[in-house]
């Protein structure tokens, strides 16, 4: 006969719940911030390229 005691023990174990919640909160904050930083850096690079190109043009 199969007993369900080991399965109940696994289901009722909450030892890693706090760590998992903090990891999910960190992922929910860190991943969007990473993409925002990447987009801002790309915009900054594009602006720098435009400014340096405009400064190197000869006077008309």
PDB file of N, CA and C in Angstrom:
ATOM      1  N   UNK A   1       0.835  -1.176   0.000  1.00  0.00           N
ATOM      2  CA  UNK A   1       0.000   0.000   0.000  1.00  0.00           C
ATOM      3  C   UNK A   1       0.888   1.251   0.000  1.00  0.00           C
ATOM      4  N   UNK A   2       0.499   2.222  -0.794  1.00  0.00           N
ATOM      5  CA  UNK A   2       1.259   3.461  -0.913  1.00  0.00           C
ATOM      6  C   UNK A   2       0.774   4.442   0.152  1.00  0.00           C
ATOM      7  N   UNK A   3       1.729   4.987   0.897  1.00  0.00           N
ATOM      8  CA  UNK A   3       1.364   5.981   1.915  1.00  0.00           C
ATOM      9  C   UNK A   3       1.650   7.381   1.382  1.00  0.00           C
ATOM     10  N   UNK A   4       0.872   8.323   1.809  1.00  0.00           N
ATOM     11  CA  UNK A   4       1.013   9.704   1.361  1.00  0.00           C
ATOM     12  C   UNK A   4       1.803  10.567   2.342  1.00  0.00           C
ATOM     13  N   UNK A   5       2.365   9.977   3.369  1.00  0.00           N
ATOM     14  CA  UNK A   5       3.096  10.752   4.375  1.00  0.00           C
ATOM     15  C   UNK A   5       4.292  11.496   3.782  1.00  0.00           C
ATOM     16  N   UNK A   6       5.124  10.862   2.942  1.00  0.00           N
ATOM     17  CA  UNK A   6       6.247  11.629   2.374  1.00  0.00           C
ATOM     18  C   UNK A   6       5.778  12.801   1.501  1.00  0.00           C
ATOM     19  N   UNK A   7       4.694  12.610   0.775  1.00  0.00           N
ATOM     20  CA  UNK A   7       4.182  13.684  -0.079  1.00  0.00           C
ATOM     21  C   UNK A   7       3.645  14.835   0.762  1.00  0.00           C
ATOM     22  N   UNK A   8       2.963  14.531   1.860  1.00  0.00           N
ATOM     23  CA  UNK A   8       2.466  15.587   2.753  1.00  0.00           C
ATOM     24  C   UNK A   8       3.620  16.369   3.351  1.00  0.00           C
ATOM     25  N   UNK A   9       4.704  15.700   3.661  1.00  0.00           N
ATOM     26  CA  UNK A   9       5.869  16.371   4.231  1.00  0.00           C
ATOM     27  C   UNK A   9       6.474  17.338   3.214  1.00  0.00           C
ATOM     28  N   UNK A  10       6.545  16.945   1.967  1.00  0.00           N
ATOM     29  CA  UNK A  10       7.096  17.810   0.920  1.00  0.00           C
ATOM     30  C   UNK A  10       6.189  19.009   0.682  1.00  0.00           C
ATOM     31  N   UNK A  11       4.895  18.795   0.650  1.00  0.00           N
ATOM     32  CA  UNK A  11       3.947  19.874   0.387  1.00  0.00           C
ATOM     33  C   UNK A  11       3.915  20.871   1.540  1.00  0.00           C
ATOM     34  N   UNK A  12       4.043  20.405   2.778  1.00  0.00           N
ATOM     35  CA  UNK A  12       3.954  21.301   3.934  1.00  0.00           C
ATOM     36  C   UNK A  12       5.287  21.944   4.290  1.00  0.00           C
ATOM     37  N   UNK A  13       6.372  21.628   3.591  1.00  0.00           N
ATOM     38  CA  UNK A  13       7.683  22.195   3.890  1.00  0.00           C
ATOM     39  C   UNK A  13       7.773  23.606   3.330  1.00  0.00           C
ATOM     40  N   UNK A  14       7.992  24.592   4.212  1.00  0.00           N
ATOM     41  CA  UNK A  14       8.083  25.995   3.812  1.00  0.00           C
ATOM     42  C   UNK A  14       9.477  26.567   4.047  1.00  0.00           C
ATOM     43  N   UNK A  15      10.496  25.740   4.044  1.00  0.00           N
ATOM     44  CA  UNK A  15      11.828  26.205   4.435  1.00  0.00           C
ATOM     45  C   UNK A  15      12.440  27.175   3.428  1.00  0.00           C
ATOM     46  N   UNK A  16      12.153  27.072   2.162  1.00  0.00           N
ATOM     47  CA  UNK A  16      12.762  27.950   1.175  1.00  0.00           C
ATOM     48  C   UNK A  16      11.828  28.996   0.609  1.00  0.00           C
ATOM     49  N   UNK A  17      10.680  29.166   1.234  1.00  0.00           N
ATOM     50  CA  UNK A  17       9.673  30.070   0.681  1.00  0.00           C
ATOM     51  C   UNK A  17      10.135  31.522   0.708  1.00  0.00           C
ATOM     52  N   UNK A  18      10.743  31.963   1.780  1.00  0.00           N
ATOM     53  CA  UNK A  18      11.175  33.364   1.882  1.00  0.00           C
ATOM     54  C   UNK A  18      12.273  33.654   0.860  1.00  0.00           C
ATOM     55  N   UNK A  19      13.196  32.731   0.709  1.00  0.00           N
ATOM     56  CA  UNK A  19      14.267  32.915  -0.267  1.00  0.00           C
ATOM     57  C   UNK A  19      13.704  32.982  -1.683  1.00  0.00           C
ATOM     58  N   UNK A  20      12.756  32.130  -1.977  1.00  0.00           N
ATOM     59  CA  UNK A  20      12.135  32.137  -3.301  1.00  0.00           C
ATOM     60  C   UNK A  20      11.378  33.440  -3.537  1.00  0.00           C
ATOM     61  N   UNK A  21      10.671  33.931  -2.513  1.00  0.00           N
ATOM     62  CA  UNK A  21       9.944  35.188  -2.682  1.00  0.00           C
ATOM     63  C   UNK A  21      10.898  36.346  -2.940  1.00  0.00           C
ATOM     64  N   UNK A  22      12.006  36.410  -2.214  1.00  0.00           N
ATOM     65  CA  UNK A  22      12.973  37.477  -2.442  1.00  0.00           C
ATOM     66  C   UNK A  22      13.608  37.356  -3.820  1.00  0.00           C
ATOM     67  N   UNK A  23      13.865  36.141  -4.276  1.00  0.00           N
ATOM     68  CA  UNK A  23      14.434  35.960  -5.613  1.00  0.00           C
ATOM     69  C   UNK A  23      13.450  36.436  -6.683  1.00  0.00           C
ATOM     70  N   UNK A  24      12.170  36.171  -6.488  1.00  0.00           N
ATOM     71  CA  UNK A  24      11.167  36.625  -7.455  1.00  0.00           C
ATOM     72  C   UNK A  24      11.023  38.148  -7.440  1.00  0.00           C
ATOM     73  N   UNK A  25      11.061  38.753  -6.258  1.00  0.00           N
ATOM     74  CA  UNK A  25      10.993  40.213  -6.171  1.00  0.00           C
ATOM     75  C   UNK A  25      12.214  40.834  -6.831  1.00  0.00           C
ATOM     76  N   UNK A  26      13.379  40.274  -6.563  1.00  0.00           N
ATOM     77  CA  UNK A  26      14.607  40.779  -7.181  1.00  0.00           C
ATOM     78  C   UNK A  26      14.541  40.650  -8.699  1.00  0.00           C
ATOM     79  N   UNK A  27      14.048  39.531  -9.193  1.00  0.00           N
ATOM     80  CA  UNK A  27      13.926  39.342 -10.638  1.00  0.00           C
ATOM     81  C   UNK A  27      12.907  40.314 -11.235  1.00  0.00           C
ATOM     82  N   UNK A  28      11.830  40.577 -10.502  1.00  0.00           N
ATOM     83  CA  UNK A  28      10.807  41.493 -11.012  1.00  0.00           C
ATOM     84  C   UNK A  28      11.311  42.929 -11.067  1.00  0.00           C
ATOM     85  N   UNK A  29      12.294  43.265 -10.245  1.00  0.00           N
ATOM     86  CA  UNK A  29      12.842  44.622 -10.249  1.00  0.00           C
ATOM     87  C   UNK A  29      14.088  44.705 -11.125  1.00  0.00           C
ATOM     88  N   UNK A  30      14.958  43.713 -11.035  1.00  0.00           N
ATOM     89  CA  UNK A  30      16.254  43.783 -11.703  1.00  0.00           C
ATOM     90  C   UNK A  30      16.150  43.598 -13.219  1.00  0.00           C
ATOM     91  N   UNK A  31      15.320  42.703 -13.680  1.00  0.00           N
ATOM     92  CA  UNK A  31      15.234  42.469 -15.124  1.00  0.00           C
ATOM     93  C   UNK A  31      14.701  43.685 -15.894  1.00  0.00           C
ATOM     94  N   UNK A  32      13.613  44.307 -15.463  1.00  0.00           N
ATOM     95  CA  UNK A  32      13.194  45.519 -16.185  1.00  0.00           C
ATOM     96  C   UNK A  32      14.224  46.640 -16.090  1.00  0.00           C
ATOM     97  N   UNK A  33      14.876  46.790 -14.931  1.00  0.00           N
ATOM     98  CA  UNK A  33      15.898  47.826 -14.794  1.00  0.00           C
ATOM     99  C   UNK A  33      17.067  47.571 -15.732  1.00  0.00           C
ATOM    100  N   UNK A  34      17.434  46.317 -15.930  1.00  0.00           N
ATOM    101  CA  UNK A  34      18.516  45.985 -16.854  1.00  0.00           C
ATOM    102  C   UNK A  34      18.163  46.448 -18.260  1.00  0.00           C
ATOM    103  N   UNK A  35      16.953  46.148 -18.704  1.00  0.00           N
ATOM    104  CA  UNK A  35      16.560  46.531 -20.057  1.00  0.00           C
ATOM    105  C   UNK A  35      16.427  48.048 -20.191  1.00  0.00           C
ATOM    106  N   UNK A  36      15.966  48.720 -19.142  1.00  0.00           N
ATOM    107  CA  UNK A  36      15.887  50.184 -19.182  1.00  0.00           C
ATOM    108  C   UNK A  36      17.280  50.782 -19.286  1.00  0.00           C
ATOM    109  N   UNK A  37      18.225  50.250 -18.531  1.00  0.00           N
ATOM    110  CA  UNK A  37      19.602  50.750 -18.578  1.00  0.00           C
ATOM    111  C   UNK A  37      20.213  50.512 -19.950  1.00  0.00           C
ATOM    112  N   UNK A  38      19.963  49.359 -20.541  1.00  0.00           N
ATOM    113  CA  UNK A  38      20.499  49.064 -21.873  1.00  0.00           C
ATOM    114  C   UNK A  38      19.934  50.039 -22.901  1.00  0.00           C
ATOM    115  N   UNK A  39      18.646  50.307 -22.842  1.00  0.00           N
ATOM    116  CA  UNK A  39      18.023  51.238 -23.787  1.00  0.00           C
ATOM    117  C   UNK A  39      18.583  52.642 -23.587  1.00  0.00           C
ATOM    118  N   UNK A  40      18.721  53.072 -22.343  1.00  0.00           N
ATOM    119  CA  UNK A  40      19.277  54.415 -22.080  1.00  0.00           C
ATOM    120  C   UNK A  40      20.718  54.524 -22.555  1.00  0.00           C
ATOM    121  N   UNK A  41      21.512  53.488 -22.365  1.00  0.00           N
ATOM    122  CA  UNK A  41      22.885  53.523 -22.844  1.00  0.00           C
ATOM    123  C   UNK A  41      22.942  53.582 -24.369  1.00  0.00           C
ATOM    124  N   UNK A  42      22.062  52.858 -25.031  1.00  0.00           N
ATOM    125  CA  UNK A  42      22.019  52.918 -26.495  1.00  0.00           C
ATOM    126  C   UNK A  42      21.623  54.312 -26.980  1.00  0.00           C
ATOM    127  N   UNK A  43      20.672  54.943 -26.295  1.00  0.00           N
ATOM    128  CA  UNK A  43      20.294  56.308 -26.661  1.00  0.00           C
ATOM    129  C   UNK A  43      21.452  57.274 -26.430  1.00  0.00           C
ATOM    130  N   UNK A  44      22.168  57.102 -25.343  1.00  0.00           N
ATOM    131  CA  UNK A  44      23.308  57.960 -25.051  1.00  0.00           C
ATOM    132  C   UNK A  44      24.412  57.790 -26.093  1.00  0.00           C
ATOM    133  N   UNK A  45      24.656  56.566 -26.520  1.00  0.00           N
ATOM    134  CA  UNK A  45      25.660  56.315 -27.551  1.00  0.00           C
ATOM    135  C   UNK A  45      25.242  56.957 -28.872  1.00  0.00           C
ATOM    136  N   UNK A  46      23.969  56.825 -29.226  1.00  0.00           N
ATOM    137  CA  UNK A  46      23.481  57.426 -30.472  1.00  0.00           C
ATOM    138  C   UNK A  46      23.591  58.948 -30.418  1.00  0.00           C
ATOM    139  N   UNK A  47      23.274  59.542 -29.282  1.00  0.00           N
ATOM    140  CA  UNK A  47      23.388  60.994 -29.139  1.00  0.00           C
ATOM    141  C   UNK A  47      24.854  61.430 -29.225  1.00  0.00           C
ATOM    142  N   UNK A  48      25.732  60.705 -28.592  1.00  0.00           N
ATOM    143  CA  UNK A  48      27.159  61.036 -28.653  1.00  0.00           C
ATOM    144  C   UNK A  48      27.684  60.941 -30.090  1.00  0.00           C
ATOM    145  N   UNK A  49      27.272  59.915 -30.817  1.00  0.00           N
ATOM    146  CA  UNK A  49      27.695  59.793 -32.222  1.00  0.00           C
ATOM    147  C   UNK A  49      27.194  60.969 -33.050  1.00  0.00           C
ATOM    148  N   UNK A  50      25.952  61.378 -32.826  1.00  0.00           N
ATOM    149  CA  UNK A  50      25.398  62.496 -33.574  1.00  0.00           C
ATOM    150  C   UNK A  50      26.156  63.790 -33.253  1.00  0.00           C
ATOM    151  N   UNK A  51      26.412  64.027 -31.981  1.00  0.00           N
ATOM    152  CA  UNK A  51      27.104  65.261 -31.583  1.00  0.00           C
ATOM    153  C   UNK A  51      28.516  65.275 -32.133  1.00  0.00           C
ATOM    154  N   UNK A  52      29.239  64.179 -32.050  1.00  0.00           N
ATOM    155  CA  UNK A  52      30.608  64.161 -32.565  1.00  0.00           C
ATOM    156  C   UNK A  52      30.619  64.301 -34.083  1.00  0.00           C
ATOM    157  N   UNK A  53      29.626  63.752 -34.772  1.00  0.00           N
ATOM    158  CA  UNK A  53      29.551  63.922 -36.217  1.00  0.00           C
ATOM    159  C   UNK A  53      29.298  65.376 -36.578  1.00  0.00           C
ATOM    160  N   UNK A  54      28.382  66.029 -35.848  1.00  0.00           N
ATOM    161  CA  UNK A  54      28.071  67.434 -36.130  1.00  0.00           C
ATOM    162  C   UNK A  54      29.267  68.345 -35.837  1.00  0.00           C
ATOM    163  N   UNK A  55      30.063  68.013 -34.851  1.00  0.00           N
ATOM    164  CA  UNK A  55      31.216  68.846 -34.512  1.00  0.00           C
ATOM    165  C   UNK A  55      32.357  68.672 -35.498  1.00  0.00           C
ATOM    166  N   UNK A  56      32.412  67.561 -36.186  1.00  0.00           N
ATOM    167  CA  UNK A  56      33.498  67.333 -37.130  1.00  0.00           C
ATOM    168  C   UNK A  56      33.193  67.837 -38.528  1.00  0.00           C
ATOM    169  N   UNK A  57      31.967  68.302 -38.754  1.00  0.00           N
ATOM    170  CA  UNK A  57      31.639  68.853 -40.071  1.00  0.00           C
ATOM    171  C   UNK A  57      32.380  70.162 -40.289  1.00  0.00           C
ATOM    172  N   UNK A  58      32.865  70.398 -41.478  1.00  0.00           N
ATOM    173  CA  UNK A  58      33.533  71.695 -41.740  1.00  0.00           C
ATOM    174  C   UNK A  58      32.519  72.819 -41.793  1.00  0.00           C
ATOM    175  N   UNK A  59      32.996  74.037 -41.557  1.00  0.00           N
ATOM    176  CA  UNK A  59      32.104  75.181 -41.628  1.00  0.00           C
ATOM    177  C   UNK A  59      31.660  75.396 -43.067  1.00  0.00           C
ATOM    178  N   UNK A  60      30.442  75.823 -43.284  1.00  0.00           N
ATOM    179  CA  UNK A  60      29.970  76.047 -44.658  1.00  0.00           C
ATOM    180  C   UNK A  60      30.540  77.301 -45.284  1.00  0.00           C
TER     181      UNK A  60
END
